[in-house]
């Protein structure tokens, strides 16, 4: 980093970097959080497209994995991702629906930690609509005969991979393994890393209202 020349007159020295509009504004920070979540659902290149989901196993130990964000609805305070209903996370969510998701954008230096209640959707209109919107290549992941996480003697044969199973003529094959998961948020914790001073805030949902507070970073 190049430091300002101390011999320059004060009037000629560069000023501080401009602050983001949400730097000292809780409402703007919450709006930015939802804007980034919506972008993450819509843009596969966005940092928020692949958050980490944390659940709790039956023995009480934590379990975390990356999921793909498929929808973010500010009006209902919900996020959606898809999963194979044979996966361990489905039974974990069934037993303990309280979950957490972690998002981080290294470019914008924004972190979100969200908590909420997860609901599983299988063989209902929401799951059907989500399946219809799923691309053929993504559908192929649900056609693999083995259960996700199952121990196997060797890698699956190439003919059982998504590239080979993703042909359009497969139709609805795999839908029996598909599930949509909707997380209704109860809290969002916001962290913005900035050279001039970090900002951290908490947003707690009370009905249709978000209770807002600054936190020590």
C-alpha atoms as a PDB file:
ATOM      1  CA  UNK A   1       0.000   0.000   0.000  1.00  0.00           C
ATOM      2  CA  UNK A   2       1.362   3.439  -0.944  1.00  0.00           C
ATOM      3  CA  UNK A   3       1.287   5.927   1.918  1.00  0.00           C
ATOM      4  CA  UNK A   4       0.483   9.620   1.325  1.00  0.00           C
ATOM      5  CA  UNK A   5       3.489  11.879   0.898  1.00  0.00           C
ATOM      6  CA  UNK A   6       3.865  13.658   4.284  1.00  0.00           C
ATOM      7  CA  UNK A   7       5.512  16.630   2.576  1.00  0.00           C
ATOM      8  CA  UNK A   8       2.345  17.449   0.621  1.00  0.00           C
ATOM      9  CA  UNK A   9       0.132  20.215   1.946  1.00  0.00           C
ATOM     10  CA  UNK A  10      -2.966  18.928   3.761  1.00  0.00           C
ATOM     11  CA  UNK A  11      -5.204  20.240   0.986  1.00  0.00           C
ATOM     12  CA  UNK A  12      -3.404  18.082  -1.605  1.00  0.00           C
ATOM     13  CA  UNK A  13      -3.349  14.827   0.334  1.00  0.00           C
ATOM     14  CA  UNK A  14      -5.843  12.148  -0.722  1.00  0.00           C
ATOM     15  CA  UNK A  15      -8.877  11.898   1.501  1.00  0.00           C
ATOM     16  CA  UNK A  16     -10.288   8.742   3.069  1.00  0.00           C
ATOM     17  CA  UNK A  17     -11.921   6.160   0.849  1.00  0.00           C
ATOM     18  CA  UNK A  18     -15.619   6.860   0.294  1.00  0.00           C
ATOM     19  CA  UNK A  19     -17.904   4.987   2.656  1.00  0.00           C
ATOM     20  CA  UNK A  20     -20.544   2.580   1.460  1.00  0.00           C
ATOM     21  CA  UNK A  21     -24.102   3.882   1.983  1.00  0.00           C
ATOM     22  CA  UNK A  22     -24.736   1.077   4.479  1.00  0.00           C
ATOM     23  CA  UNK A  23     -21.659   1.851   6.602  1.00  0.00           C
ATOM     24  CA  UNK A  24     -23.532   3.713   9.351  1.00  0.00           C
ATOM     25  CA  UNK A  25     -27.116   2.872   8.373  1.00  0.00           C
ATOM     26  CA  UNK A  26     -28.860  -0.229   9.746  1.00  0.00           C
ATOM     27  CA  UNK A  27     -31.739  -0.064   7.263  1.00  0.00           C
ATOM     28  CA  UNK A  28     -29.300   0.209   4.355  1.00  0.00           C
ATOM     29  CA  UNK A  29     -27.241  -2.690   5.728  1.00  0.00           C
ATOM     30  CA  UNK A  30     -30.322  -4.930   5.889  1.00  0.00           C
ATOM     31  CA  UNK A  31     -31.332  -3.877   2.372  1.00  0.00           C
ATOM     32  CA  UNK A  32     -27.825  -4.660   1.114  1.00  0.00           C
ATOM     33  CA  UNK A  33     -27.915  -8.064   2.800  1.00  0.00           C
ATOM     34  CA  UNK A  34     -31.108  -8.996   0.962  1.00  0.00           C
ATOM     35  CA  UNK A  35     -29.786  -7.561  -2.313  1.00  0.00           C
ATOM     36  CA  UNK A  36     -26.733  -9.807  -2.046  1.00  0.00           C
ATOM     37  CA  UNK A  37     -28.884 -12.829  -1.166  1.00  0.00           C
ATOM     38  CA  UNK A  38     -31.100 -12.249  -4.205  1.00  0.00           C
ATOM     39  CA  UNK A  39     -28.045 -11.883  -6.397  1.00  0.00           C
ATOM     40  CA  UNK A  40     -26.634 -15.093  -4.957  1.00  0.00           C
ATOM     41  CA  UNK A  41     -29.784 -16.962  -5.932  1.00  0.00           C
ATOM     42  CA  UNK A  42     -29.835 -15.518  -9.458  1.00  0.00           C
ATOM     43  CA  UNK A  43     -26.129 -15.466 -10.395  1.00  0.00           C
ATOM     44  CA  UNK A  44     -24.055 -18.642 -10.174  1.00  0.00           C
ATOM     45  CA  UNK A  45     -20.881 -16.519 -10.223  1.00  0.00           C
ATOM     46  CA  UNK A  46     -21.893 -14.543  -7.131  1.00  0.00           C
ATOM     47  CA  UNK A  47     -20.109 -15.316  -3.873  1.00  0.00           C
ATOM     48  CA  UNK A  48     -23.414 -15.823  -2.052  1.00  0.00           C
ATOM     49  CA  UNK A  49     -24.488 -18.525  -4.544  1.00  0.00           C
ATOM     50  CA  UNK A  50     -22.847 -21.276  -2.491  1.00  0.00           C
ATOM     51  CA  UNK A  51     -23.284 -20.760   1.262  1.00  0.00           C
ATOM     52  CA  UNK A  52     -22.341 -23.210   3.993  1.00  0.00           C
ATOM     53  CA  UNK A  53     -25.289 -24.919   5.704  1.00  0.00           C
ATOM     54  CA  UNK A  54     -24.883 -26.149   9.283  1.00  0.00           C
ATOM     55  CA  UNK A  55     -27.146 -28.761  10.874  1.00  0.00           C
ATOM     56  CA  UNK A  56     -26.927 -31.031  13.937  1.00  0.00           C
ATOM     57  CA  UNK A  57     -26.516 -34.808  13.775  1.00  0.00           C
ATOM     58  CA  UNK A  58     -28.516 -37.210  15.923  1.00  0.00           C
ATOM     59  CA  UNK A  59     -25.563 -37.525  18.338  1.00  0.00           C
ATOM     60  CA  UNK A  60     -25.449 -33.751  18.824  1.00  0.00           C
ATOM     61  CA  UNK A  61     -22.316 -33.110  16.763  1.00  0.00           C
ATOM     62  CA  UNK A  62     -22.314 -30.385  14.090  1.00  0.00           C
ATOM     63  CA  UNK A  63     -22.439 -31.067  10.365  1.00  0.00           C
ATOM     64  CA  UNK A  64     -21.644 -28.479   7.692  1.00  0.00           C
ATOM     65  CA  UNK A  65     -21.610 -28.527   3.909  1.00  0.00           C
ATOM     66  CA  UNK A  66     -21.913 -26.223   0.904  1.00  0.00           C
ATOM     67  CA  UNK A  67     -25.315 -25.867  -0.758  1.00  0.00           C
ATOM     68  CA  UNK A  68     -26.502 -23.904  -3.785  1.00  0.00           C
ATOM     69  CA  UNK A  69     -28.817 -20.989  -3.062  1.00  0.00           C
ATOM     70  CA  UNK A  70     -31.829 -21.236  -5.386  1.00  0.00           C
ATOM     71  CA  UNK A  71     -34.170 -18.512  -4.094  1.00  0.00           C
ATOM     72  CA  UNK A  72     -34.178 -15.578  -1.677  1.00  0.00           C
ATOM     73  CA  UNK A  73     -37.515 -13.923  -0.880  1.00  0.00           C
ATOM     74  CA  UNK A  74     -37.325 -10.844   1.315  1.00  0.00           C
ATOM     75  CA  UNK A  75     -41.112 -10.543   1.609  1.00  0.00           C
ATOM     76  CA  UNK A  76     -41.388 -13.952   3.276  1.00  0.00           C
ATOM     77  CA  UNK A  77     -37.868 -13.906   4.775  1.00  0.00           C
ATOM     78  CA  UNK A  78     -37.079 -17.265   3.175  1.00  0.00           C
ATOM     79  CA  UNK A  79     -34.161 -18.909   1.412  1.00  0.00           C
ATOM     80  CA  UNK A  80     -34.379 -22.088  -0.658  1.00  0.00           C
ATOM     81  CA  UNK A  81     -31.943 -24.775  -1.714  1.00  0.00           C
ATOM     82  CA  UNK A  82     -32.370 -28.273  -3.122  1.00  0.00           C
ATOM     83  CA  UNK A  83     -31.090 -31.612  -1.909  1.00  0.00           C
ATOM     84  CA  UNK A  84     -31.236 -35.351  -2.427  1.00  0.00           C
ATOM     85  CA  UNK A  85     -33.819 -36.676   0.027  1.00  0.00           C
ATOM     86  CA  UNK A  86     -31.532 -39.651   0.685  1.00  0.00           C
ATOM     87  CA  UNK A  87     -28.800 -37.376   2.079  1.00  0.00           C
ATOM     88  CA  UNK A  88     -27.955 -37.143   5.772  1.00  0.00           C
ATOM     89  CA  UNK A  89     -29.007 -33.502   5.958  1.00  0.00           C
ATOM     90  CA  UNK A  90     -32.632 -34.490   5.305  1.00  0.00           C
ATOM     91  CA  UNK A  91     -32.852 -36.660   8.412  1.00  0.00           C
ATOM     92  CA  UNK A  92     -30.929 -34.051  10.401  1.00  0.00           C
ATOM     93  CA  UNK A  93     -33.375 -31.324   9.364  1.00  0.00           C
ATOM     94  CA  UNK A  94     -36.328 -33.605  10.099  1.00  0.00           C
ATOM     95  CA  UNK A  95     -35.049 -34.216  13.630  1.00  0.00           C
ATOM     96  CA  UNK A  96     -33.768 -30.685  14.316  1.00  0.00           C
ATOM     97  CA  UNK A  97     -35.109 -28.074  11.882  1.00  0.00           C
ATOM     98  CA  UNK A  98     -33.075 -25.220  13.404  1.00  0.00           C
ATOM     99  CA  UNK A  99     -30.269 -24.499  10.917  1.00  0.00           C
ATOM    100  CA  UNK A 100     -27.639 -21.857  10.195  1.00  0.00           C
ATOM    101  CA  UNK A 101     -26.145 -20.639   6.927  1.00  0.00           C
ATOM    102  CA  UNK A 102     -22.889 -18.761   6.420  1.00  0.00           C
ATOM    103  CA  UNK A 103     -22.211 -16.463   3.457  1.00  0.00           C
ATOM    104  CA  UNK A 104     -19.026 -14.528   2.679  1.00  0.00           C
ATOM    105  CA  UNK A 105     -18.122 -12.297  -0.254  1.00  0.00           C
ATOM    106  CA  UNK A 106     -14.337 -11.712  -0.224  1.00  0.00           C
ATOM    107  CA  UNK A 107     -14.621  -8.984  -2.844  1.00  0.00           C
ATOM    108  CA  UNK A 108     -17.149  -6.884  -0.960  1.00  0.00           C
ATOM    109  CA  UNK A 109     -15.877  -7.976   2.476  1.00  0.00           C
ATOM    110  CA  UNK A 110     -19.390  -8.819   3.627  1.00  0.00           C
ATOM    111  CA  UNK A 111     -20.269 -11.791   5.825  1.00  0.00           C
ATOM    112  CA  UNK A 112     -23.760 -12.971   6.721  1.00  0.00           C
ATOM    113  CA  UNK A 113     -24.598 -15.513   9.408  1.00  0.00           C
ATOM    114  CA  UNK A 114     -28.259 -16.412   9.272  1.00  0.00           C
ATOM    115  CA  UNK A 115     -30.356 -18.713  11.430  1.00  0.00           C
ATOM    116  CA  UNK A 116     -33.799 -20.083  10.789  1.00  0.00           C
ATOM    117  CA  UNK A 117     -36.257 -22.952  10.649  1.00  0.00           C
ATOM    118  CA  UNK A 118     -35.896 -25.386   7.740  1.00  0.00           C
ATOM    119  CA  UNK A 119     -38.878 -27.149   6.187  1.00  0.00           C
ATOM    120  CA  UNK A 120     -38.635 -30.067   3.765  1.00  0.00           C
ATOM    121  CA  UNK A 121     -40.778 -30.159   0.635  1.00  0.00           C
ATOM    122  CA  UNK A 122     -41.263 -33.501  -1.107  1.00  0.00           C
ATOM    123  CA  UNK A 123     -44.052 -34.365  -3.525  1.00  0.00           C
ATOM    124  CA  UNK A 124     -45.857 -31.066  -2.990  1.00  0.00           C
ATOM    125  CA  UNK A 125     -46.518 -28.100  -5.344  1.00  0.00           C
ATOM    126  CA  UNK A 126     -43.439 -26.184  -4.171  1.00  0.00           C
ATOM    127  CA  UNK A 127     -41.174 -29.169  -4.823  1.00  0.00           C
ATOM    128  CA  UNK A 128     -42.850 -29.787  -8.188  1.00  0.00           C
ATOM    129  CA  UNK A 129     -42.277 -26.191  -9.303  1.00  0.00           C
ATOM    130  CA  UNK A 130     -38.663 -26.313  -8.125  1.00  0.00           C
ATOM    131  CA  UNK A 131     -38.084 -29.552 -10.043  1.00  0.00           C
ATOM    132  CA  UNK A 132     -39.567 -28.076 -13.225  1.00  0.00           C
ATOM    133  CA  UNK A 133     -37.145 -25.152 -12.983  1.00  0.00           C
ATOM    134  CA  UNK A 134     -34.139 -27.453 -12.498  1.00  0.00           C
ATOM    135  CA  UNK A 135     -31.835 -27.885 -15.496  1.00  0.00           C
ATOM    136  CA  UNK A 136     -31.337 -31.370 -17.002  1.00  0.00           C
ATOM    137  CA  UNK A 137     -27.705 -31.525 -15.863  1.00  0.00           C
ATOM    138  CA  UNK A 138     -28.703 -30.716 -12.282  1.00  0.00           C
ATOM    139  CA  UNK A 139     -31.515 -33.281 -12.385  1.00  0.00           C
ATOM    140  CA  UNK A 140     -28.952 -35.926 -13.263  1.00  0.00           C
ATOM    141  CA  UNK A 141     -27.443 -35.728  -9.778  1.00  0.00           C
ATOM    142  CA  UNK A 142     -30.665 -37.237  -8.411  1.00  0.00           C
ATOM    143  CA  UNK A 143     -30.498 -40.221 -10.808  1.00  0.00           C
ATOM    144  CA  UNK A 144     -27.303 -41.657  -9.351  1.00  0.00           C
ATOM    145  CA  UNK A 145     -28.413 -44.977  -7.797  1.00  0.00           C
ATOM    146  CA  UNK A 146     -26.113 -44.831  -4.761  1.00  0.00           C
ATOM    147  CA  UNK A 147     -27.030 -42.851  -1.650  1.00  0.00           C
ATOM    148  CA  UNK A 148     -25.023 -39.637  -1.130  1.00  0.00           C
ATOM    149  CA  UNK A 149     -22.249 -40.277   1.387  1.00  0.00           C
ATOM    150  CA  UNK A 150     -22.491 -44.059   1.042  1.00  0.00           C
ATOM    151  CA  UNK A 151     -19.154 -45.856   1.284  1.00  0.00           C
ATOM    152  CA  UNK A 152     -18.152 -47.530  -1.987  1.00  0.00           C
ATOM    153  CA  UNK A 153     -15.184 -49.657  -3.021  1.00  0.00           C
ATOM    154  CA  UNK A 154     -14.229 -47.439  -5.963  1.00  0.00           C
ATOM    155  CA  UNK A 155     -15.405 -44.250  -7.688  1.00  0.00           C
ATOM    156  CA  UNK A 156     -18.668 -44.599  -9.595  1.00  0.00           C
ATOM    157  CA  UNK A 157     -18.251 -45.674 -13.228  1.00  0.00           C
ATOM    158  CA  UNK A 158     -18.171 -42.778 -15.673  1.00  0.00           C
ATOM    159  CA  UNK A 159     -21.485 -43.869 -17.207  1.00  0.00           C
ATOM    160  CA  UNK A 160     -23.158 -43.152 -13.864  1.00  0.00           C
ATOM    161  CA  UNK A 161     -21.873 -39.576 -13.675  1.00  0.00           C
ATOM    162  CA  UNK A 162     -24.069 -36.489 -14.173  1.00  0.00           C
ATOM    163  CA  UNK A 163     -22.698 -35.810 -17.667  1.00  0.00           C
ATOM    164  CA  UNK A 164     -23.931 -39.209 -18.844  1.00  0.00           C
ATOM    165  CA  UNK A 165     -27.174 -39.195 -16.859  1.00  0.00           C
ATOM    166  CA  UNK A 166     -28.249 -35.701 -17.820  1.00  0.00           C
ATOM    167  CA  UNK A 167     -29.891 -36.368 -21.167  1.00  0.00           C
ATOM    168  CA  UNK A 168     -33.299 -34.790 -21.786  1.00  0.00           C
ATOM    169  CA  UNK A 169     -34.881 -38.128 -22.632  1.00  0.00           C
ATOM    170  CA  UNK A 170     -34.543 -39.169 -18.992  1.00  0.00           C
ATOM    171  CA  UNK A 171     -37.703 -37.143 -18.328  1.00  0.00           C
ATOM    172  CA  UNK A 172     -38.812 -37.212 -14.709  1.00  0.00           C
ATOM    173  CA  UNK A 173     -36.316 -39.840 -13.593  1.00  0.00           C
ATOM    174  CA  UNK A 174     -34.730 -38.770 -10.318  1.00  0.00           C
ATOM    175  CA  UNK A 175     -37.660 -36.719  -9.058  1.00  0.00           C
ATOM    176  CA  UNK A 176     -38.323 -39.391  -6.428  1.00  0.00           C
ATOM    177  CA  UNK A 177     -35.008 -38.407  -4.803  1.00  0.00           C
ATOM    178  CA  UNK A 178     -35.494 -34.644  -5.071  1.00  0.00           C
ATOM    179  CA  UNK A 179     -36.425 -32.325  -2.209  1.00  0.00           C
ATOM    180  CA  UNK A 180     -36.600 -28.572  -1.794  1.00  0.00           C
ATOM    181  CA  UNK A 181     -35.634 -27.041   1.535  1.00  0.00           C
ATOM    182  CA  UNK A 182     -37.052 -23.667   2.588  1.00  0.00           C
ATOM    183  CA  UNK A 183     -35.412 -21.833   5.472  1.00  0.00           C
ATOM    184  CA  UNK A 184     -37.553 -19.204   7.203  1.00  0.00           C
ATOM    185  CA  UNK A 185     -35.119 -16.766   8.748  1.00  0.00           C
ATOM    186  CA  UNK A 186     -35.310 -15.633  12.351  1.00  0.00           C
ATOM    187  CA  UNK A 187     -32.019 -13.723  12.455  1.00  0.00           C
ATOM    188  CA  UNK A 188     -29.358 -12.195  10.221  1.00  0.00           C
ATOM    189  CA  UNK A 189     -25.970 -11.166  11.550  1.00  0.00           C
ATOM    190  CA  UNK A 190     -24.109  -8.753   9.277  1.00  0.00           C
ATOM    191  CA  UNK A 191     -20.353  -8.067   9.229  1.00  0.00           C
ATOM    192  CA  UNK A 192     -18.648  -5.563   6.937  1.00  0.00           C
ATOM    193  CA  UNK A 193     -14.845  -5.412   6.962  1.00  0.00           C
ATOM    194  CA  UNK A 194     -13.489  -1.941   6.227  1.00  0.00           C
ATOM    195  CA  UNK A 195     -10.097  -0.300   6.681  1.00  0.00           C
ATOM    196  CA  UNK A 196     -11.672   2.694   8.403  1.00  0.00           C
ATOM    197  CA  UNK A 197     -13.412   0.422  10.908  1.00  0.00           C
ATOM    198  CA  UNK A 198     -15.512  -2.734  10.724  1.00  0.00           C
ATOM    199  CA  UNK A 199     -19.278  -2.728  11.106  1.00  0.00           C
ATOM    200  CA  UNK A 200     -21.361  -5.504  12.670  1.00  0.00           C
ATOM    201  CA  UNK A 201     -25.117  -5.609  13.115  1.00  0.00           C
ATOM    202  CA  UNK A 202     -27.868  -8.018  14.153  1.00  0.00           C
ATOM    203  CA  UNK A 203     -31.363  -8.220  12.692  1.00  0.00           C
ATOM    204  CA  UNK A 204     -33.994 -10.256  14.570  1.00  0.00           C
ATOM    205  CA  UNK A 205     -37.281 -11.010  12.848  1.00  0.00           C
ATOM    206  CA  UNK A 206     -40.459 -10.333  14.811  1.00  0.00           C
ATOM    207  CA  UNK A 207     -43.389 -11.051  12.505  1.00  0.00           C
ATOM    208  CA  UNK A 208     -42.951  -8.760   9.511  1.00  0.00           C
ATOM    209  CA  UNK A 209     -40.609  -6.437  11.411  1.00  0.00           C
ATOM    210  CA  UNK A 210     -36.835  -6.714  11.754  1.00  0.00           C
ATOM    211  CA  UNK A 211     -35.456  -5.508  15.089  1.00  0.00           C
ATOM    212  CA  UNK A 212     -32.068  -3.916  14.378  1.00  0.00           C
ATOM    213  CA  UNK A 213     -28.999  -3.351  16.557  1.00  0.00           C
ATOM    214  CA  UNK A 214     -25.318  -2.550  16.133  1.00  0.00           C
ATOM    215  CA  UNK A 215     -22.822  -5.016  17.621  1.00  0.00           C
ATOM    216  CA  UNK A 216     -19.145  -4.757  18.501  1.00  0.00           C
ATOM    217  CA  UNK A 217     -17.267  -6.161  15.448  1.00  0.00           C
END
